[in-house]
């Protein structure tokens, strides 16, 4: 519902939360998870495109952090 631009007061009422903090806390976590998934999809598409680009052999995904 939050991703569908539904009013948070309506979401609170539908889910029968006692206060808005509960509703906002749940949807804040959901929004962060959606953002993370979108970034992962974008990064995967970028790396796939880089691997298929002609003459580009120095672009590789980072597998571990350097110290």
PDB file of N, CA and C in Angstrom:
ATOM      1  N   UNK A   1       0.811  -1.185   0.000  1.00  0.00           N
ATOM      2  CA  UNK A   1       0.000   0.000   0.000  1.00  0.00           C
ATOM      3  C   UNK A   1       0.859   1.255   0.000  1.00  0.00           C
ATOM      4  N   UNK A   2       1.954   1.227   0.741  1.00  0.00           N
ATOM      5  CA  UNK A   2       2.797   2.417   0.820  1.00  0.00           C
ATOM      6  C   UNK A   2       3.425   2.720  -0.537  1.00  0.00           C
ATOM      7  N   UNK A   3       3.819   1.697  -1.268  1.00  0.00           N
ATOM      8  CA  UNK A   3       4.395   1.910  -2.586  1.00  0.00           C
ATOM      9  C   UNK A   3       3.341   2.368  -3.578  1.00  0.00           C
ATOM     10  N   UNK A   4       2.074   2.154  -3.274  1.00  0.00           N
ATOM     11  CA  UNK A   4       0.987   2.583  -4.132  1.00  0.00           C
ATOM     12  C   UNK A   4       0.473   3.969  -3.803  1.00  0.00           C
ATOM     13  N   UNK A   5       1.208   4.730  -3.002  1.00  0.00           N
ATOM     14  CA  UNK A   5       0.854   6.097  -2.631  1.00  0.00           C
ATOM     15  C   UNK A   5      -0.461   6.185  -1.854  1.00  0.00           C
ATOM     16  N   UNK A   6      -0.723   5.186  -1.032  1.00  0.00           N
ATOM     17  CA  UNK A   6      -1.929   5.191  -0.205  1.00  0.00           C
ATOM     18  C   UNK A   6      -1.658   6.035   1.039  1.00  0.00           C
ATOM     19  N   UNK A   7      -2.645   6.769   1.471  1.00  0.00           N
ATOM     20  CA  UNK A   7      -2.539   7.623   2.649  1.00  0.00           C
ATOM     21  C   UNK A   7      -2.160   6.778   3.870  1.00  0.00           C
ATOM     22  N   UNK A   8      -1.148   7.211   4.621  1.00  0.00           N
ATOM     23  CA  UNK A   8      -0.676   6.442   5.773  1.00  0.00           C
ATOM     24  C   UNK A   8      -1.738   6.307   6.861  1.00  0.00           C
ATOM     25  N   UNK A   9      -2.605   7.291   7.007  1.00  0.00           N
ATOM     26  CA  UNK A   9      -3.689   7.183   7.996  1.00  0.00           C
ATOM     27  C   UNK A   9      -4.633   6.034   7.616  1.00  0.00           C
ATOM     28  N   UNK A  10      -4.861   5.861   6.329  1.00  0.00           N
ATOM     29  CA  UNK A  10      -5.697   4.761   5.862  1.00  0.00           C
ATOM     30  C   UNK A  10      -5.008   3.422   6.115  1.00  0.00           C
ATOM     31  N   UNK A  11      -3.716   3.359   5.842  1.00  0.00           N
ATOM     32  CA  UNK A  11      -2.946   2.134   6.094  1.00  0.00           C
ATOM     33  C   UNK A  11      -3.001   1.781   7.574  1.00  0.00           C
ATOM     34  N   UNK A  12      -2.822   2.790   8.432  1.00  0.00           N
ATOM     35  CA  UNK A  12      -2.877   2.589   9.878  1.00  0.00           C
ATOM     36  C   UNK A  12      -4.224   1.990  10.287  1.00  0.00           C
ATOM     37  N   UNK A  13      -5.284   2.532   9.736  1.00  0.00           N
ATOM     38  CA  UNK A  13      -6.626   2.050  10.081  1.00  0.00           C
ATOM     39  C   UNK A  13      -6.862   0.626   9.575  1.00  0.00           C
ATOM     40  N   UNK A  14      -6.445   0.348   8.355  1.00  0.00           N
ATOM     41  CA  UNK A  14      -6.644  -0.986   7.781  1.00  0.00           C
ATOM     42  C   UNK A  14      -5.877  -2.043   8.565  1.00  0.00           C
ATOM     43  N   UNK A  15      -4.658  -1.708   8.960  1.00  0.00           N
ATOM     44  CA  UNK A  15      -3.823  -2.662   9.700  1.00  0.00           C
ATOM     45  C   UNK A  15      -4.111  -2.677  11.199  1.00  0.00           C
ATOM     46  N   UNK A  16      -4.994  -1.782  11.618  1.00  0.00           N
ATOM     47  CA  UNK A  16      -5.416  -1.682  13.016  1.00  0.00           C
ATOM     48  C   UNK A  16      -4.264  -1.401  13.977  1.00  0.00           C
ATOM     49  N   UNK A  17      -3.337  -0.560  13.532  1.00  0.00           N
ATOM     50  CA  UNK A  17      -2.253  -0.137  14.414  1.00  0.00           C
ATOM     51  C   UNK A  17      -2.793   0.896  15.387  1.00  0.00           C
ATOM     52  N   UNK A  18      -2.277   0.866  16.607  1.00  0.00           N
ATOM     53  CA  UNK A  18      -2.733   1.828  17.626  1.00  0.00           C
ATOM     54  C   UNK A  18      -2.199   3.224  17.368  1.00  0.00           C
ATOM     55  N   UNK A  19      -0.975   3.309  16.890  1.00  0.00           N
ATOM     56  CA  UNK A  19      -0.435   4.642  16.616  1.00  0.00           C
ATOM     57  C   UNK A  19       0.326   4.661  15.293  1.00  0.00           C
ATOM     58  N   UNK A  20       0.553   5.857  14.800  1.00  0.00           N
ATOM     59  CA  UNK A  20       1.196   6.042  13.500  1.00  0.00           C
ATOM     60  C   UNK A  20       2.655   5.594  13.508  1.00  0.00           C
ATOM     61  N   UNK A  21       3.325   5.648  14.670  1.00  0.00           N
ATOM     62  CA  UNK A  21       4.727   5.212  14.755  1.00  0.00           C
ATOM     63  C   UNK A  21       4.884   3.772  14.282  1.00  0.00           C
ATOM     64  N   UNK A  22       3.973   2.920  14.675  1.00  0.00           N
ATOM     65  CA  UNK A  22       4.033   1.511  14.279  1.00  0.00           C
ATOM     66  C   UNK A  22       3.942   1.392  12.763  1.00  0.00           C
ATOM     67  N   UNK A  23       2.964   2.051  12.189  1.00  0.00           N
ATOM     68  CA  UNK A  23       2.762   1.997  10.739  1.00  0.00           C
ATOM     69  C   UNK A  23       3.976   2.542   9.998  1.00  0.00           C
ATOM     70  N   UNK A  24       4.454   3.698  10.407  1.00  0.00           N
ATOM     71  CA  UNK A  24       5.602   4.305   9.739  1.00  0.00           C
ATOM     72  C   UNK A  24       6.862   3.459   9.893  1.00  0.00           C
ATOM     73  N   UNK A  25       7.039   2.826  11.047  1.00  0.00           N
ATOM     74  CA  UNK A  25       8.199   1.959  11.264  1.00  0.00           C
ATOM     75  C   UNK A  25       8.196   0.766  10.330  1.00  0.00           C
ATOM     76  N   UNK A  26       7.038   0.162  10.160  1.00  0.00           N
ATOM     77  CA  UNK A  26       6.918  -0.995   9.263  1.00  0.00           C
ATOM     78  C   UNK A  26       7.228  -0.585   7.830  1.00  0.00           C
ATOM     79  N   UNK A  27       6.641   0.535   7.382  1.00  0.00           N
ATOM     80  CA  UNK A  27       6.833   0.953   6.002  1.00  0.00           C
ATOM     81  C   UNK A  27       8.194   1.552   5.746  1.00  0.00           C
ATOM     82  N   UNK A  28       8.857   2.081   6.754  1.00  0.00           N
ATOM     83  CA  UNK A  28      10.227   2.569   6.572  1.00  0.00           C
ATOM     84  C   UNK A  28      11.146   1.396   6.252  1.00  0.00           C
ATOM     85  N   UNK A  29      10.960   0.281   6.962  1.00  0.00           N
ATOM     86  CA  UNK A  29      11.765  -0.909   6.672  1.00  0.00           C
ATOM     87  C   UNK A  29      11.444  -1.458   5.286  1.00  0.00           C
ATOM     88  N   UNK A  30      10.179  -1.477   4.920  1.00  0.00           N
ATOM     89  CA  UNK A  30       9.765  -1.986   3.612  1.00  0.00           C
ATOM     90  C   UNK A  30      10.356  -1.126   2.496  1.00  0.00           C
ATOM     91  N   UNK A  31      10.372   0.181   2.691  1.00  0.00           N
ATOM     92  CA  UNK A  31      10.918   1.086   1.682  1.00  0.00           C
ATOM     93  C   UNK A  31      12.423   0.878   1.524  1.00  0.00           C
ATOM     94  N   UNK A  32      13.124   0.675   2.625  1.00  0.00           N
ATOM     95  CA  UNK A  32      14.571   0.431   2.553  1.00  0.00           C
ATOM     96  C   UNK A  32      14.863  -0.863   1.809  1.00  0.00           C
ATOM     97  N   UNK A  33      14.062  -1.894   2.057  1.00  0.00           N
ATOM     98  CA  UNK A  33      14.248  -3.173   1.375  1.00  0.00           C
ATOM     99  C   UNK A  33      13.985  -3.018  -0.122  1.00  0.00           C
ATOM    100  N   UNK A  34      12.951  -2.281  -0.489  1.00  0.00           N
ATOM    101  CA  UNK A  34      12.646  -2.050  -1.904  1.00  0.00           C
ATOM    102  C   UNK A  34      13.778  -1.284  -2.586  1.00  0.00           C
ATOM    103  N   UNK A  35      14.348  -0.306  -1.881  1.00  0.00           N
ATOM    104  CA  UNK A  35      15.461   0.466  -2.430  1.00  0.00           C
ATOM    105  C   UNK A  35      16.679  -0.430  -2.650  1.00  0.00           C
ATOM    106  N   UNK A  36      16.977  -1.287  -1.688  1.00  0.00           N
ATOM    107  CA  UNK A  36      18.104  -2.200  -1.807  1.00  0.00           C
ATOM    108  C   UNK A  36      17.918  -3.136  -3.001  1.00  0.00           C
ATOM    109  N   UNK A  37      16.728  -3.694  -3.149  1.00  0.00           N
ATOM    110  CA  UNK A  37      16.454  -4.601  -4.269  1.00  0.00           C
ATOM    111  C   UNK A  37      16.586  -3.879  -5.612  1.00  0.00           C
ATOM    112  N   UNK A  38      16.121  -2.642  -5.684  1.00  0.00           N
ATOM    113  CA  UNK A  38      16.231  -1.865  -6.922  1.00  0.00           C
ATOM    114  C   UNK A  38      17.698  -1.600  -7.267  1.00  0.00           C
ATOM    115  N   UNK A  39      18.500  -1.281  -6.254  1.00  0.00           N
ATOM    116  CA  UNK A  39      19.929  -1.055  -6.489  1.00  0.00           C
ATOM    117  C   UNK A  39      20.608  -2.328  -6.975  1.00  0.00           C
ATOM    118  N   UNK A  40      20.260  -3.473  -6.388  1.00  0.00           N
ATOM    119  CA  UNK A  40      20.857  -4.738  -6.797  1.00  0.00           C
ATOM    120  C   UNK A  40      20.515  -5.066  -8.248  1.00  0.00           C
ATOM    121  N   UNK A  41      19.278  -4.817  -8.640  1.00  0.00           N
ATOM    122  CA  UNK A  41      18.865  -5.062 -10.023  1.00  0.00           C
ATOM    123  C   UNK A  41      19.635  -4.138 -10.964  1.00  0.00           C
ATOM    124  N   UNK A  42      19.758  -2.876 -10.586  1.00  0.00           N
ATOM    125  CA  UNK A  42      20.501  -1.924 -11.404  1.00  0.00           C
ATOM    126  C   UNK A  42      21.968  -2.294 -11.549  1.00  0.00           C
ATOM    127  N   UNK A  43      22.589  -2.685 -10.466  1.00  0.00           N
ATOM    128  CA  UNK A  43      23.999  -3.089 -10.523  1.00  0.00           C
ATOM    129  C   UNK A  43      24.181  -4.331 -11.382  1.00  0.00           C
ATOM    130  N   UNK A  44      23.292  -5.297 -11.247  1.00  0.00           N
ATOM    131  CA  UNK A  44      23.388  -6.525 -12.045  1.00  0.00           C
ATOM    132  C   UNK A  44      23.263  -6.202 -13.535  1.00  0.00           C
ATOM    133  N   UNK A  45      22.342  -5.318 -13.883  1.00  0.00           N
ATOM    134  CA  UNK A  45      22.155  -4.934 -15.288  1.00  0.00           C
ATOM    135  C   UNK A  45      23.391  -4.204 -15.808  1.00  0.00           C
ATOM    136  N   UNK A  46      23.963  -3.347 -14.976  1.00  0.00           N
ATOM    137  CA  UNK A  46      25.156  -2.615 -15.390  1.00  0.00           C
ATOM    138  C   UNK A  46      26.316  -3.566 -15.653  1.00  0.00           C
ATOM    139  N   UNK A  47      26.545  -4.511 -14.742  1.00  0.00           N
ATOM    140  CA  UNK A  47      27.637  -5.462 -14.932  1.00  0.00           C
ATOM    141  C   UNK A  47      27.399  -6.352 -16.143  1.00  0.00           C
ATOM    142  N   UNK A  48      26.172  -6.755 -16.382  1.00  0.00           N
ATOM    143  CA  UNK A  48      25.860  -7.583 -17.545  1.00  0.00           C
ATOM    144  C   UNK A  48      26.153  -6.808 -18.821  1.00  0.00           C
ATOM    145  N   UNK A  49      25.758  -5.538 -18.862  1.00  0.00           N
ATOM    146  CA  UNK A  49      26.021  -4.699 -20.028  1.00  0.00           C
ATOM    147  C   UNK A  49      27.520  -4.493 -20.219  1.00  0.00           C
ATOM    148  N   UNK A  50      28.246  -4.307 -19.137  1.00  0.00           N
ATOM    149  CA  UNK A  50      29.693  -4.093 -19.223  1.00  0.00           C
ATOM    150  C   UNK A  50      30.400  -5.334 -19.751  1.00  0.00           C
ATOM    151  N   UNK A  51      29.930  -6.504 -19.353  1.00  0.00           N
ATOM    152  CA  UNK A  51      30.540  -7.749 -19.824  1.00  0.00           C
ATOM    153  C   UNK A  51      30.296  -7.957 -21.316  1.00  0.00           C
ATOM    154  N   UNK A  52      29.190  -7.447 -21.832  1.00  0.00           N
ATOM    155  CA  UNK A  52      28.839  -7.640 -23.234  1.00  0.00           C
ATOM    156  C   UNK A  52      29.386  -6.537 -24.137  1.00  0.00           C
ATOM    157  N   UNK A  53      29.927  -5.485 -23.556  1.00  0.00           N
ATOM    158  CA  UNK A  53      30.435  -4.364 -24.350  1.00  0.00           C
ATOM    159  C   UNK A  53      31.705  -4.790 -25.072  1.00  0.00           C
ATOM    160  N   UNK A  54      31.810  -4.493 -26.370  1.00  0.00           N
ATOM    161  CA  UNK A  54      33.021  -4.875 -27.118  1.00  0.00           C
ATOM    162  C   UNK A  54      34.239  -4.091 -26.646  1.00  0.00           C
ATOM    163  N   UNK A  55      35.345  -4.778 -26.486  1.00  0.00           N
ATOM    164  CA  UNK A  55      36.595  -4.136 -26.121  1.00  0.00           C
ATOM    165  C   UNK A  55      36.721  -3.736 -24.658  1.00  0.00           C
ATOM    166  N   UNK A  56      35.789  -4.137 -23.835  1.00  0.00           N
ATOM    167  CA  UNK A  56      35.858  -3.794 -22.422  1.00  0.00           C
ATOM    168  C   UNK A  56      36.157  -5.074 -21.650  1.00  0.00           C
ATOM    169  N   UNK A  57      37.425  -5.230 -21.292  1.00  0.00           N
ATOM    170  CA  UNK A  57      37.785  -6.437 -20.561  1.00  0.00           C
ATOM    171  C   UNK A  57      38.328  -6.138 -19.166  1.00  0.00           C
ATOM    172  N   UNK A  58      38.355  -4.874 -18.800  1.00  0.00           N
ATOM    173  CA  UNK A  58      38.883  -4.513 -17.485  1.00  0.00           C
ATOM    174  C   UNK A  58      37.795  -4.176 -16.477  1.00  0.00           C
ATOM    175  N   UNK A  59      36.528  -4.389 -16.805  1.00  0.00           N
ATOM    176  CA  UNK A  59      35.429  -4.105 -15.890  1.00  0.00           C
ATOM    177  C   UNK A  59      34.945  -5.423 -15.309  1.00  0.00           C
ATOM    178  N   UNK A  60      35.201  -5.601 -14.036  1.00  0.00           N
ATOM    179  CA  UNK A  60      34.806  -6.825 -13.364  1.00  0.00           C
ATOM    180  C   UNK A  60      34.118  -6.471 -12.052  1.00  0.00           C
ATOM    181  N   UNK A  61      33.135  -7.273 -11.626  1.00  0.00           N
ATOM    182  CA  UNK A  61      32.486  -7.009 -10.342  1.00  0.00           C
ATOM    183  C   UNK A  61      33.486  -7.128  -9.192  1.00  0.00           C
ATOM    184  N   UNK A  62      33.330  -6.308  -8.183  1.00  0.00           N
ATOM    185  CA  UNK A  62      34.163  -6.393  -6.986  1.00  0.00           C
ATOM    186  C   UNK A  62      33.631  -7.516  -6.121  1.00  0.00           C
ATOM    187  N   UNK A  63      34.486  -8.471  -5.793  1.00  0.00           N
ATOM    188  CA  UNK A  63      34.040  -9.604  -4.990  1.00  0.00           C
ATOM    189  C   UNK A  63      34.361  -9.440  -3.527  1.00  0.00           C
ATOM    190  N   UNK A  64      35.365  -8.653  -3.198  1.00  0.00           N
ATOM    191  CA  UNK A  64      35.687  -8.418  -1.801  1.00  0.00           C
ATOM    192  C   UNK A  64      36.344  -7.061  -1.650  1.00  0.00           C
ATOM    193  N   UNK A  65      36.255  -6.498  -0.472  1.00  0.00           N
ATOM    194  CA  UNK A  65      36.851  -5.201  -0.214  1.00  0.00           C
ATOM    195  C   UNK A  65      38.361  -5.343  -0.062  1.00  0.00           C
ATOM    196  N   UNK A  66      39.048  -4.339  -0.547  1.00  0.00           N
ATOM    197  CA  UNK A  66      40.508  -4.321  -0.373  1.00  0.00           C
ATOM    198  C   UNK A  66      40.850  -3.673   0.944  1.00  0.00           C
ATOM    199  N   UNK A  67      41.898  -4.157   1.580  1.00  0.00           N
ATOM    200  CA  UNK A  67      42.328  -3.582   2.864  1.00  0.00           C
ATOM    201  C   UNK A  67      43.400  -2.559   2.681  1.00  0.00           C
TER     202      UNK A  67
END
